[in-house]
Structure formats: structure tokens, C-alpha cells
Amino acid sequence: MDPLVYKILLSISWLIFPALTYYFYFNYAAKIPGKPDPGWEEQKFSVALFGDCQGADNPFTSRRPTYFVFNHILEQVNRDKPLFTVILGDIVSSGRAYHFRRFQRQLAALRTPVFLVLGNHDAKYRGREIFSRLFGPAYYAFSLGENRFLVLDNADGTIPEKQMNWLQNDLKEHGQKNLYVFLHQPLFDPRPGQNYSMSDARQAAVLKELFSAHKVKAVFCSHLHGYYTAQANGVSYFITGGAGSTLTSSADFYHYLTLDIDGSNFQVSVHKVPSDLTWSLAWPWIAGLLALGLLLALTFSALR
């Protein structure tokens, strides 16, 4: 090959390589949360749940195993094929725009409709505004057949009066359905002698009574980085905060939950996930490094 042509091709390769790197590793892929068919009437289906992923879109942005854990969860959820997924808050480490955009890039790998809960980390800075613009309201509800799902916003440790009024009205209107509640901060800490939960203890007590009075099936939250479960006033409470953030204790483990619904009955299963590097996560980085090495070798060869 003519040396001049060779050098021109190398120059073009050096221009293309950063663009391809940005596209495959750092592009801000849009992920608009999908929604299940509102006319769904099947009695039996499953829901994937996890929280506190505080996602990083590559393994070099944090010393925590966030990248590996979160991606393992996405892979397993895709294999499970639930009807939809709920992420229970703290999806980013802080509410900065580029953190949300990087989270969107990872979320694009999830092949189910997804519903998001606002967490306290997500609400930092201008996080509430950005969350609303990207994903919609911070509190809302939807029905599937005889089931009603309520997503609440207690990211600040309390629930404003307007939202409380909305919640009470929704529970009254749909009280005949099977009710499930999703929020970020627990109403109480199930660990003896600990209190990492809603800062507004009075309101938390009101919510516990409200959920009991309306016979809520189960309440799911995160905030604590582990898996915990408890019963209060006839209502089942589940904490699942093992999607990548630093675990609360050595006894905790990375995981996600599956909520299996069959009519008026439900069952919750815990699925542990690894926090290490696997081939499925490693090969894009290995391929990129090999391509860079080849490009450097060809460049040095041309310069000699």
C-alpha cells in the first residue's frame, strides 16, 4: 500500500475511534419508561423490583461494584421477562443532569416497561426538576386488572399535604382492588435499635394505619442497602436496596426481588446477584482495548 494512503487511513481511523468509543460507551441513550397494556386482565404475572443502584455507566467511575451489580440485575431481569420493573429510588448518586443521562444509557438495556421511584439522592441539587422532565411525575398510580399500584414520593423523609390528600382519595376510590405501594424511604427500620427511615415519624405512623385500614397487600421500598422484611398491622413490608450501592453490613447481599401476583395472592422471591466481572460485561471493554492497541501499533509502525 502506498505510504501516503496508509497514513491517510490511519488518520481517518484516529478520527473514527473516539466517535465510536463515545457511541458505544458514553452516549446518552434515551430511555422513555414504557407502560404495560392498561387493558391487562391476566390474573397471574410477575414484577421485578430493586433499588439503590446509584448507577454508573462504566466500571471506572466508582470504586463500588455498581456497574457490575446493576448490569447483572438487568441481564437476569431480561431473562425472567416480568410484566414490568419497578426501581425504588436512588437511581443516581446525585441529581445532576449528566448522572441521570448516564443512568438512562444503562437503563436502555432493560427490555421491560419500567416505573421509577424518586430517591433522596435523586432529589439533590435540581434532581426533582430533571427527574420530572425525563421520567414524569414523582408520585402516581396505575391499575392492571384487579390490582392497583401506587408510587409515592417520600424522598425528603416526608410526604407533602397535597400528595397525602391524593393518596387518601386514591385509596378510597380503588380500595376494592389488590393494593401495592412503592416508595423510597421505609416507614420504619426493621432492625432492632436502628432508625434509618422516614424522618417524619408521625406521618410514617399515619401511613402505616392508612395502609392497614385499606388492606394494602404489600409495601416495597429501598434506602437501606440490603434486604429486610417485616409485618406491621397486617401489611407486609419489603426493603430491597441491594442493586449496587455499598451494602449496609457484611451480612447484606446484592439482589433484586420478584413479586409474583396470582389474583388476590402474592409471593416475593429474592434473587442474589454477583458483584464481579463476567465475560458478558467484560467483552466490550476488552474489544475496545484491543482495537486501541492495534491502532497504536499501526501508528508507531507508520511513524518509523
C-alpha atoms as a PDB file:
ATOM      1  CA  MET A   1       0.000   0.000   0.000  1.00  0.00           C
ATOM      2  CA  ASP A   2       1.158   3.486  -0.794  1.00  0.00           C
ATOM      3  CA  PRO A   3       2.636   5.012   2.416  1.00  0.00           C
ATOM      4  CA  LEU A   4       0.619   8.203   1.921  1.00  0.00           C
ATOM      5  CA  VAL A   5      -2.649   6.280   1.575  1.00  0.00           C
ATOM      6  CA  TYR A   6      -1.692   4.217   4.637  1.00  0.00           C
ATOM      7  CA  LYS A   7      -1.170   7.377   6.711  1.00  0.00           C
ATOM      8  CA  ILE A   8      -4.421   8.895   5.490  1.00  0.00           C
ATOM      9  CA  LEU A   9      -6.324   5.751   6.509  1.00  0.00           C
ATOM     10  CA  LEU A  10      -4.661   5.807   9.924  1.00  0.00           C
ATOM     11  CA  SER A  11      -5.599   9.461  10.375  1.00  0.00           C
ATOM     12  CA  ILE A  12      -9.210   8.662   9.496  1.00  0.00           C
ATOM     13  CA  SER A  13      -9.139   5.740  11.959  1.00  0.00           C
ATOM     14  CA  TRP A  14      -7.983   8.048  14.752  1.00  0.00           C
ATOM     15  CA  LEU A  15     -10.911  10.335  13.989  1.00  0.00           C
ATOM     16  CA  ILE A  16     -13.421   7.481  13.885  1.00  0.00           C
ATOM     17  CA  PHE A  17     -12.182   5.633  17.004  1.00  0.00           C
ATOM     18  CA  PRO A  18     -13.133   8.343  19.573  1.00  0.00           C
ATOM     19  CA  ALA A  19     -16.540   8.752  17.904  1.00  0.00           C
ATOM     20  CA  LEU A  20     -17.203   5.006  18.087  1.00  0.00           C
ATOM     21  CA  THR A  21     -15.955   4.900  21.689  1.00  0.00           C
ATOM     22  CA  TYR A  22     -18.329   7.685  22.646  1.00  0.00           C
ATOM     23  CA  TYR A  23     -21.225   5.987  20.853  1.00  0.00           C
ATOM     24  CA  PHE A  24     -20.756   2.555  22.388  1.00  0.00           C
ATOM     25  CA  TYR A  25     -19.680   3.539  25.907  1.00  0.00           C
ATOM     26  CA  PHE A  26     -20.692   7.083  26.749  1.00  0.00           C
ATOM     27  CA  ASN A  27     -23.606   8.111  24.536  1.00  0.00           C
ATOM     28  CA  TYR A  28     -26.724   9.267  26.374  1.00  0.00           C
ATOM     29  CA  ALA A  29     -29.247   6.812  25.003  1.00  0.00           C
ATOM     30  CA  ALA A  30     -32.818   7.906  25.617  1.00  0.00           C
ATOM     31  CA  LYS A  31     -34.992   5.543  27.634  1.00  0.00           C
ATOM     32  CA  ILE A  32     -38.608   6.544  27.887  1.00  0.00           C
ATOM     33  CA  PRO A  33     -40.256   4.304  30.504  1.00  0.00           C
ATOM     34  CA  GLY A  34     -42.794   2.107  28.780  1.00  0.00           C
ATOM     35  CA  LYS A  35     -46.090   1.092  30.294  1.00  0.00           C
ATOM     36  CA  PRO A  36     -47.891  -2.277  30.348  1.00  0.00           C
ATOM     37  CA  ASP A  37     -51.134  -2.569  28.451  1.00  0.00           C
ATOM     38  CA  PRO A  38     -53.742  -0.771  30.633  1.00  0.00           C
ATOM     39  CA  GLY A  39     -56.297  -3.321  29.459  1.00  0.00           C
ATOM     40  CA  TRP A  40     -54.308  -6.164  31.039  1.00  0.00           C
ATOM     41  CA  GLU A  41     -56.730  -8.653  32.611  1.00  0.00           C
ATOM     42  CA  GLU A  42     -54.479 -11.643  33.326  1.00  0.00           C
ATOM     43  CA  GLN A  43     -54.642 -12.762  36.948  1.00  0.00           C
ATOM     44  CA  LYS A  44     -51.119 -14.104  37.029  1.00  0.00           C
ATOM     45  CA  PHE A  45     -47.956 -12.086  36.314  1.00  0.00           C
ATOM     46  CA  SER A  46     -44.666 -11.031  37.901  1.00  0.00           C
ATOM     47  CA  VAL A  47     -42.920  -7.746  38.676  1.00  0.00           C
ATOM     48  CA  ALA A  48     -39.171  -7.178  39.163  1.00  0.00           C
ATOM     49  CA  LEU A  49     -38.143  -4.822  41.976  1.00  0.00           C
ATOM     50  CA  PHE A  50     -34.839  -3.365  43.128  1.00  0.00           C
ATOM     51  CA  GLY A  51     -33.423  -0.104  44.449  1.00  0.00           C
ATOM     52  CA  ASP A  52     -30.321   1.913  45.307  1.00  0.00           C
ATOM     53  CA  CYS A  53     -28.400   1.155  42.138  1.00  0.00           C
ATOM     54  CA  GLN A  54     -26.910   4.692  42.018  1.00  0.00           C
ATOM     55  CA  GLY A  55     -25.875   3.644  38.560  1.00  0.00           C
ATOM     56  CA  ALA A  56     -22.517   4.175  36.886  1.00  0.00           C
ATOM     57  CA  ASP A  57     -22.345   3.526  33.175  1.00  0.00           C
ATOM     58  CA  ASN A  58     -18.814   2.112  33.205  1.00  0.00           C
ATOM     59  CA  PRO A  59     -16.654   0.298  35.771  1.00  0.00           C
ATOM     60  CA  PHE A  60     -14.158   3.183  36.088  1.00  0.00           C
ATOM     61  CA  THR A  61     -16.486   5.843  37.559  1.00  0.00           C
ATOM     62  CA  SER A  62     -16.724   4.377  41.048  1.00  0.00           C
ATOM     63  CA  ARG A  63     -14.847   2.024  43.339  1.00  0.00           C
ATOM     64  CA  ARG A  64     -18.183   0.497  44.297  1.00  0.00           C
ATOM     65  CA  PRO A  65     -19.338  -2.538  42.279  1.00  0.00           C
ATOM     66  CA  THR A  66     -22.333  -0.580  40.987  1.00  0.00           C
ATOM     67  CA  TYR A  67     -21.635  -1.176  37.312  1.00  0.00           C
ATOM     68  CA  PHE A  68     -21.347  -4.936  37.661  1.00  0.00           C
ATOM     69  CA  VAL A  69     -24.252  -5.453  40.074  1.00  0.00           C
ATOM     70  CA  PHE A  70     -26.678  -3.255  38.162  1.00  0.00           C
ATOM     71  CA  ASN A  71     -25.837  -4.851  34.824  1.00  0.00           C
ATOM     72  CA  HIS A  72     -26.130  -8.350  36.273  1.00  0.00           C
ATOM     73  CA  ILE A  73     -29.601  -7.419  37.532  1.00  0.00           C
ATOM     74  CA  LEU A  74     -30.633  -6.068  34.138  1.00  0.00           C
ATOM     75  CA  GLU A  75     -29.426  -9.269  32.461  1.00  0.00           C
ATOM     76  CA  GLN A  76     -31.308 -11.521  34.880  1.00  0.00           C
ATOM     77  CA  VAL A  77     -34.488  -9.438  34.756  1.00  0.00           C
ATOM     78  CA  ASN A  78     -34.423  -9.606  30.960  1.00  0.00           C
ATOM     79  CA  ARG A  79     -34.204 -13.398  31.204  1.00  0.00           C
ATOM     80  CA  ASP A  80     -37.038 -13.525  33.763  1.00  0.00           C
ATOM     81  CA  LYS A  81     -39.341 -11.463  31.464  1.00  0.00           C
ATOM     82  CA  PRO A  82     -41.554  -9.886  34.146  1.00  0.00           C
ATOM     83  CA  LEU A  83     -44.539  -7.813  33.080  1.00  0.00           C
ATOM     84  CA  PHE A  84     -42.764  -4.675  34.301  1.00  0.00           C
ATOM     85  CA  THR A  85     -39.959  -3.461  36.571  1.00  0.00           C
ATOM     86  CA  VAL A  86     -40.014  -1.003  39.470  1.00  0.00           C
ATOM     87  CA  ILE A  87     -36.794   0.746  40.563  1.00  0.00           C
ATOM     88  CA  LEU A  88     -37.294   2.010  44.104  1.00  0.00           C
ATOM     89  CA  GLY A  89     -35.180   5.148  44.095  1.00  0.00           C
ATOM     90  CA  ASP A  90     -31.588   6.351  44.382  1.00  0.00           C
ATOM     91  CA  ILE A  91     -31.073   5.570  40.724  1.00  0.00           C
ATOM     92  CA  VAL A  92     -28.178   8.077  40.643  1.00  0.00           C
ATOM     93  CA  SER A  93     -25.575   9.217  43.164  1.00  0.00           C
ATOM     94  CA  SER A  94     -26.807  12.815  42.947  1.00  0.00           C
ATOM     95  CA  GLY A  95     -29.431  14.704  40.989  1.00  0.00           C
ATOM     96  CA  ARG A  96     -27.143  16.149  38.343  1.00  0.00           C
ATOM     97  CA  ALA A  97     -28.245  16.047  34.720  1.00  0.00           C
ATOM     98  CA  TYR A  98     -25.277  14.017  33.475  1.00  0.00           C
ATOM     99  CA  HIS A  99     -25.863  11.393  36.190  1.00  0.00           C
ATOM    100  CA  PHE A 100     -29.438  10.918  35.026  1.00  0.00           C
ATOM    101  CA  ARG A 101     -28.332  10.752  31.403  1.00  0.00           C
ATOM    102  CA  ARG A 102     -25.744   8.099  32.181  1.00  0.00           C
ATOM    103  CA  PHE A 103     -28.376   6.138  34.091  1.00  0.00           C
ATOM    104  CA  GLN A 104     -30.639   6.356  31.033  1.00  0.00           C
ATOM    105  CA  ARG A 105     -27.880   4.800  28.963  1.00  0.00           C
ATOM    106  CA  GLN A 106     -27.722   1.764  31.238  1.00  0.00           C
ATOM    107  CA  LEU A 107     -31.485   1.550  31.561  1.00  0.00           C
ATOM    108  CA  ALA A 108     -31.779   1.264  27.783  1.00  0.00           C
ATOM    109  CA  ALA A 109     -30.634  -2.354  28.159  1.00  0.00           C
ATOM    110  CA  LEU A 110     -33.759  -3.253  30.142  1.00  0.00           C
ATOM    111  CA  ARG A 111     -36.370  -4.920  27.946  1.00  0.00           C
ATOM    112  CA  THR A 112     -39.403  -4.411  30.185  1.00  0.00           C
ATOM    113  CA  PRO A 113     -41.596  -1.405  30.922  1.00  0.00           C
ATOM    114  CA  VAL A 114     -40.144   0.414  33.934  1.00  0.00           C
ATOM    115  CA  PHE A 115     -41.602   2.562  36.707  1.00  0.00           C
ATOM    116  CA  LEU A 116     -39.280   4.768  38.739  1.00  0.00           C
ATOM    117  CA  VAL A 117     -39.452   5.974  42.340  1.00  0.00           C
ATOM    118  CA  LEU A 118     -37.685   9.205  43.336  1.00  0.00           C
ATOM    119  CA  GLY A 119     -34.990   8.681  45.992  1.00  0.00           C
ATOM    120  CA  ASN A 120     -33.212  11.132  48.284  1.00  0.00           C
ATOM    121  CA  HIS A 121     -30.026  11.013  46.181  1.00  0.00           C
ATOM    122  CA  ASP A 122     -32.054  11.624  43.020  1.00  0.00           C
ATOM    123  CA  ALA A 123     -33.643  14.742  44.565  1.00  0.00           C
ATOM    124  CA  LYS A 124     -30.336  16.512  45.284  1.00  0.00           C
ATOM    125  CA  TYR A 125     -29.469  19.767  43.505  1.00  0.00           C
ATOM    126  CA  ARG A 126     -32.060  20.172  40.715  1.00  0.00           C
ATOM    127  CA  GLY A 127     -32.833  16.468  40.717  1.00  0.00           C
ATOM    128  CA  ARG A 128     -36.586  16.774  41.179  1.00  0.00           C
ATOM    129  CA  GLU A 129     -36.908  19.010  38.152  1.00  0.00           C
ATOM    130  CA  ILE A 130     -34.701  16.791  35.987  1.00  0.00           C
ATOM    131  CA  PHE A 131     -36.418  13.584  37.147  1.00  0.00           C
ATOM    132  CA  SER A 132     -39.809  15.065  36.289  1.00  0.00           C
ATOM    133  CA  ARG A 133     -38.632  16.181  32.863  1.00  0.00           C
ATOM    134  CA  LEU A 134     -37.087  12.819  31.985  1.00  0.00           C
ATOM    135  CA  PHE A 135     -39.441  10.343  33.652  1.00  0.00           C
ATOM    136  CA  GLY A 136     -42.660  12.121  34.598  1.00  0.00           C
ATOM    137  CA  PRO A 137     -44.355  12.803  37.955  1.00  0.00           C
ATOM    138  CA  ALA A 138     -42.705  11.676  41.192  1.00  0.00           C
ATOM    139  CA  TYR A 139     -45.978  10.212  42.507  1.00  0.00           C
ATOM    140  CA  TYR A 140     -48.693   8.470  40.518  1.00  0.00           C
ATOM    141  CA  ALA A 141     -50.791   5.302  40.380  1.00  0.00           C
ATOM    142  CA  PHE A 142     -51.894   2.776  37.768  1.00  0.00           C
ATOM    143  CA  SER A 143     -54.149  -0.265  37.606  1.00  0.00           C
ATOM    144  CA  LEU A 144     -53.733  -3.637  35.927  1.00  0.00           C
ATOM    145  CA  GLY A 145     -56.848  -5.756  36.127  1.00  0.00           C
ATOM    146  CA  GLU A 146     -57.848  -6.047  39.775  1.00  0.00           C
ATOM    147  CA  ASN A 147     -54.514  -4.693  41.002  1.00  0.00           C
ATOM    148  CA  ARG A 148     -53.714  -1.084  41.904  1.00  0.00           C
ATOM    149  CA  PHE A 149     -50.101   0.107  42.177  1.00  0.00           C
ATOM    150  CA  LEU A 150     -49.265   3.373  43.957  1.00  0.00           C
ATOM    151  CA  VAL A 151     -45.883   5.085  43.564  1.00  0.00           C
ATOM    152  CA  LEU A 152     -45.190   7.649  46.306  1.00  0.00           C
ATOM    153  CA  ASP A 153     -42.587  10.378  46.748  1.00  0.00           C
ATOM    154  CA  ASN A 154     -41.099  10.469  50.251  1.00  0.00           C
ATOM    155  CA  ALA A 155     -37.550  11.232  49.083  1.00  0.00           C
ATOM    156  CA  ASP A 156     -37.331  14.105  51.591  1.00  0.00           C
ATOM    157  CA  GLY A 157     -38.410  11.923  54.507  1.00  0.00           C
ATOM    158  CA  THR A 158     -41.959  13.230  54.450  1.00  0.00           C
ATOM    159  CA  ILE A 159     -44.978  13.470  52.142  1.00  0.00           C
ATOM    160  CA  PRO A 160     -46.460  16.918  51.419  1.00  0.00           C
ATOM    161  CA  GLU A 161     -50.108  17.585  52.201  1.00  0.00           C
ATOM    162  CA  LYS A 162     -51.137  17.690  48.531  1.00  0.00           C
ATOM    163  CA  GLN A 163     -49.734  14.212  47.932  1.00  0.00           C
ATOM    164  CA  MET A 164     -51.292  12.873  51.146  1.00  0.00           C
ATOM    165  CA  ASN A 165     -54.703  14.104  50.036  1.00  0.00           C
ATOM    166  CA  TRP A 166     -54.208  12.481  46.636  1.00  0.00           C
ATOM    167  CA  LEU A 167     -53.146   9.210  48.297  1.00  0.00           C
ATOM    168  CA  GLN A 168     -56.146   9.111  50.622  1.00  0.00           C
ATOM    169  CA  ASN A 169     -58.543   9.805  47.763  1.00  0.00           C
ATOM    170  CA  ASP A 170     -56.957   7.154  45.554  1.00  0.00           C
ATOM    171  CA  LEU A 171     -57.127   4.536  48.308  1.00  0.00           C
ATOM    172  CA  LYS A 172     -60.798   5.326  48.900  1.00  0.00           C
ATOM    173  CA  GLU A 173     -61.613   5.190  45.194  1.00  0.00           C
ATOM    174  CA  HIS A 174     -59.723   1.962  44.485  1.00  0.00           C
ATOM    175  CA  GLY A 175     -59.963   0.262  47.872  1.00  0.00           C
ATOM    176  CA  GLN A 176     -61.667  -2.767  46.346  1.00  0.00           C
ATOM    177  CA  LYS A 177     -58.563  -3.630  44.323  1.00  0.00           C
ATOM    178  CA  ASN A 178     -55.440  -5.515  45.408  1.00  0.00           C
ATOM    179  CA  LEU A 179     -53.229  -2.631  46.560  1.00  0.00           C
ATOM    180  CA  TYR A 180     -49.422  -2.459  46.335  1.00  0.00           C
ATOM    181  CA  VAL A 181     -47.351   0.576  47.356  1.00  0.00           C
ATOM    182  CA  PHE A 182     -43.873   1.608  46.182  1.00  0.00           C
ATOM    183  CA  LEU A 183     -41.799   4.347  47.838  1.00  0.00           C
ATOM    184  CA  HIS A 184     -38.161   5.021  48.637  1.00  0.00           C
ATOM    185  CA  GLN A 185     -37.728   5.562  52.376  1.00  0.00           C
ATOM    186  CA  PRO A 186     -39.128   2.894  54.742  1.00  0.00           C
ATOM    187  CA  LEU A 187     -41.864   3.885  57.179  1.00  0.00           C
ATOM    188  CA  PHE A 188     -39.834   2.191  59.922  1.00  0.00           C
ATOM    189  CA  ASP A 189     -36.481   0.492  60.348  1.00  0.00           C
ATOM    190  CA  PRO A 190     -36.942  -3.264  60.901  1.00  0.00           C
ATOM    191  CA  ARG A 191     -33.511  -3.567  62.534  1.00  0.00           C
ATOM    192  CA  PRO A 192     -33.578  -3.558  66.353  1.00  0.00           C
ATOM    193  CA  GLY A 193     -32.313  -0.279  67.763  1.00  0.00           C
ATOM    194  CA  GLN A 194     -31.859   1.377  64.330  1.00  0.00           C
ATOM    195  CA  ASN A 195     -33.827   4.242  62.778  1.00  0.00           C
ATOM    196  CA  TYR A 196     -32.837   4.766  59.147  1.00  0.00           C
ATOM    197  CA  SER A 197     -36.313   5.551  57.842  1.00  0.00           C
ATOM    198  CA  MET A 198     -38.686   8.462  57.202  1.00  0.00           C
ATOM    199  CA  SER A 199     -37.651  11.472  59.261  1.00  0.00           C
ATOM    200  CA  ASP A 200     -41.307  12.391  59.803  1.00  0.00           C
ATOM    201  CA  ALA A 201     -42.132   9.625  62.296  1.00  0.00           C
ATOM    202  CA  ARG A 202     -45.617  10.998  62.978  1.00  0.00           C
ATOM    203  CA  GLN A 203     -46.547  10.833  59.316  1.00  0.00           C
ATOM    204  CA  ALA A 204     -44.986   7.377  58.970  1.00  0.00           C
ATOM    205  CA  ALA A 205     -47.317   6.174  61.722  1.00  0.00           C
ATOM    206  CA  VAL A 206     -50.279   7.717  59.895  1.00  0.00           C
ATOM    207  CA  LEU A 207     -49.275   5.934  56.689  1.00  0.00           C
ATOM    208  CA  LYS A 208     -48.981   2.599  58.496  1.00  0.00           C
ATOM    209  CA  GLU A 209     -52.519   3.000  59.827  1.00  0.00           C
ATOM    210  CA  LEU A 210     -53.779   4.136  56.423  1.00  0.00           C
ATOM    211  CA  PHE A 211     -52.258   1.151  54.627  1.00  0.00           C
ATOM    212  CA  SER A 212     -53.654  -1.204  57.245  1.00  0.00           C
ATOM    213  CA  ALA A 213     -57.129   0.328  57.080  1.00  0.00           C
ATOM    214  CA  HIS A 214     -57.256  -0.108  53.298  1.00  0.00           C
ATOM    215  CA  LYS A 215     -55.806  -3.632  53.465  1.00  0.00           C
ATOM    216  CA  VAL A 216     -52.754  -2.880  51.348  1.00  0.00           C
ATOM    217  CA  LYS A 217     -51.162  -6.176  50.304  1.00  0.00           C
ATOM    218  CA  ALA A 218     -47.519  -5.100  50.434  1.00  0.00           C
ATOM    219  CA  VAL A 219     -45.273  -2.042  50.639  1.00  0.00           C
ATOM    220  CA  PHE A 220     -41.909  -2.024  48.851  1.00  0.00           C
ATOM    221  CA  CYS A 221     -39.072   0.438  49.444  1.00  0.00           C
ATOM    222  CA  SER A 222     -35.275   0.653  49.432  1.00  0.00           C
ATOM    223  CA  HIS A 223     -32.983   3.265  51.168  1.00  0.00           C
ATOM    224  CA  LEU A 224     -31.388   0.578  53.349  1.00  0.00           C
ATOM    225  CA  HIS A 225     -28.719  -1.183  51.291  1.00  0.00           C
ATOM    226  CA  GLY A 226     -29.780  -4.757  51.858  1.00  0.00           C
ATOM    227  CA  TYR A 227     -32.824  -6.998  52.087  1.00  0.00           C
ATOM    228  CA  TYR A 228     -35.235  -6.784  55.005  1.00  0.00           C
ATOM    229  CA  THR A 229     -38.851  -7.739  55.564  1.00  0.00           C
ATOM    230  CA  ALA A 230     -41.374  -7.166  58.330  1.00  0.00           C
ATOM    231  CA  GLN A 231     -45.079  -7.185  59.149  1.00  0.00           C
ATOM    232  CA  ALA A 232     -46.930  -4.213  60.632  1.00  0.00           C
ATOM    233  CA  ASN A 233     -50.676  -4.013  61.272  1.00  0.00           C
ATOM    234  CA  GLY A 234     -51.361  -6.853  58.841  1.00  0.00           C
ATOM    235  CA  VAL A 235     -49.332  -5.335  55.990  1.00  0.00           C
ATOM    236  CA  SER A 236     -46.167  -6.908  54.541  1.00  0.00           C
ATOM    237  CA  TYR A 237     -43.174  -4.562  54.184  1.00  0.00           C
ATOM    238  CA  PHE A 238     -40.153  -5.315  51.991  1.00  0.00           C
ATOM    239  CA  ILE A 239     -36.889  -3.387  51.743  1.00  0.00           C
ATOM    240  CA  THR A 240     -34.719  -4.092  48.702  1.00  0.00           C
ATOM    241  CA  GLY A 241     -31.691  -1.819  48.432  1.00  0.00           C
ATOM    242  CA  GLY A 242     -29.111  -4.203  47.027  1.00  0.00           C
ATOM    243  CA  ALA A 243     -28.749  -3.043  43.413  1.00  0.00           C
ATOM    244  CA  GLY A 244     -25.184  -1.753  43.593  1.00  0.00           C
ATOM    245  CA  SER A 245     -24.675   0.773  46.375  1.00  0.00           C
ATOM    246  CA  THR A 246     -22.317  -0.059  49.225  1.00  0.00           C
ATOM    247  CA  LEU A 247     -24.069  -2.642  51.394  1.00  0.00           C
ATOM    248  CA  THR A 248     -25.248  -1.660  54.870  1.00  0.00           C
ATOM    249  CA  SER A 249     -23.446  -4.532  56.608  1.00  0.00           C
ATOM    250  CA  SER A 250     -21.353  -7.613  55.925  1.00  0.00           C
ATOM    251  CA  ALA A 251     -24.480  -9.718  56.331  1.00  0.00           C
ATOM    252  CA  ASP A 252     -26.236  -7.977  53.419  1.00  0.00           C
ATOM    253  CA  PHE A 253     -26.015  -9.065  49.779  1.00  0.00           C
ATOM    254  CA  TYR A 254     -26.697  -7.732  46.291  1.00  0.00           C
ATOM    255  CA  HIS A 255     -30.049  -8.809  44.927  1.00  0.00           C
ATOM    256  CA  TYR A 256     -33.375  -7.987  43.335  1.00  0.00           C
ATOM    257  CA  LEU A 257     -36.904  -9.178  44.088  1.00  0.00           C
ATOM    258  CA  THR A 258     -39.658 -10.764  42.066  1.00  0.00           C
ATOM    259  CA  LEU A 259     -43.244 -10.056  43.058  1.00  0.00           C
ATOM    260  CA  ASP A 260     -45.427 -12.866  41.712  1.00  0.00           C
ATOM    261  CA  ILE A 261     -49.115 -11.938  41.663  1.00  0.00           C
ATOM    262  CA  ASP A 262     -51.866 -14.511  41.203  1.00  0.00           C
ATOM    263  CA  GLY A 263     -55.277 -12.940  41.696  1.00  0.00           C
ATOM    264  CA  SER A 264     -55.510 -11.703  45.279  1.00  0.00           C
ATOM    265  CA  ASN A 265     -52.428 -13.688  46.321  1.00  0.00           C
ATOM    266  CA  PHE A 266     -48.789 -12.673  46.033  1.00  0.00           C
ATOM    267  CA  GLN A 267     -45.367 -14.134  46.684  1.00  0.00           C
ATOM    268  CA  VAL A 268     -41.978 -12.399  46.888  1.00  0.00           C
ATOM    269  CA  SER A 269     -38.761 -14.130  45.821  1.00  0.00           C
ATOM    270  CA  VAL A 270     -35.205 -12.926  46.465  1.00  0.00           C
ATOM    271  CA  HIS A 271     -32.579 -13.332  43.731  1.00  0.00           C
ATOM    272  CA  LYS A 272     -28.915 -12.844  44.668  1.00  0.00           C
ATOM    273  CA  VAL A 273     -26.602 -11.397  42.017  1.00  0.00           C
ATOM    274  CA  PRO A 274     -22.792 -11.377  41.770  1.00  0.00           C
ATOM    275  CA  SER A 275     -20.705  -8.235  42.053  1.00  0.00           C
ATOM    276  CA  ASP A 276     -17.761  -9.389  39.972  1.00  0.00           C
ATOM    277  CA  LEU A 277     -16.720  -9.061  36.350  1.00  0.00           C
ATOM    278  CA  THR A 278     -18.102 -11.612  33.880  1.00  0.00           C
ATOM    279  CA  TRP A 279     -17.472 -12.184  30.213  1.00  0.00           C
ATOM    280  CA  SER A 280     -20.786 -10.598  29.219  1.00  0.00           C
ATOM    281  CA  LEU A 281     -19.696  -7.349  30.893  1.00  0.00           C
ATOM    282  CA  ALA A 282     -16.004  -7.582  30.017  1.00  0.00           C
ATOM    283  CA  TRP A 283     -16.016  -8.233  26.286  1.00  0.00           C
ATOM    284  CA  PRO A 284     -16.940  -4.688  25.110  1.00  0.00           C
ATOM    285  CA  TRP A 285     -14.084  -3.231  27.157  1.00  0.00           C
ATOM    286  CA  ILE A 286     -11.640  -5.923  26.012  1.00  0.00           C
ATOM    287  CA  ALA A 287     -12.647  -5.350  22.381  1.00  0.00           C
ATOM    288  CA  GLY A 288     -12.151  -1.593  22.785  1.00  0.00           C
ATOM    289  CA  LEU A 289      -8.712  -2.017  24.360  1.00  0.00           C
ATOM    290  CA  LEU A 290      -7.632  -4.455  21.645  1.00  0.00           C
ATOM    291  CA  ALA A 291      -8.785  -2.048  18.935  1.00  0.00           C
ATOM    292  CA  LEU A 292      -6.871   0.798  20.606  1.00  0.00           C
ATOM    293  CA  GLY A 293      -3.754  -1.368  20.901  1.00  0.00           C
ATOM    294  CA  LEU A 294      -3.936  -2.334  17.234  1.00  0.00           C
ATOM    295  CA  LEU A 295      -4.390   1.290  16.210  1.00  0.00           C
ATOM    296  CA  LEU A 296      -1.390   2.371  18.292  1.00  0.00           C
ATOM    297  CA  ALA A 297       0.775  -0.433  16.858  1.00  0.00           C
ATOM    298  CA  LEU A 298      -0.130   0.527  13.290  1.00  0.00           C
ATOM    299  CA  THR A 299       0.558   4.179  14.051  1.00  0.00           C
ATOM    300  CA  PHE A 300       4.003   3.514  15.513  1.00  0.00           C
ATOM    301  CA  SER A 301       4.764   1.279  12.529  1.00  0.00           C
ATOM    302  CA  ALA A 302       3.861   4.085  10.128  1.00  0.00           C
ATOM    303  CA  LEU A 303       5.998   6.624  12.009  1.00  0.00           C
ATOM    304  CA  ARG A 304       9.156   4.522  11.940  1.00  0.00           C
END
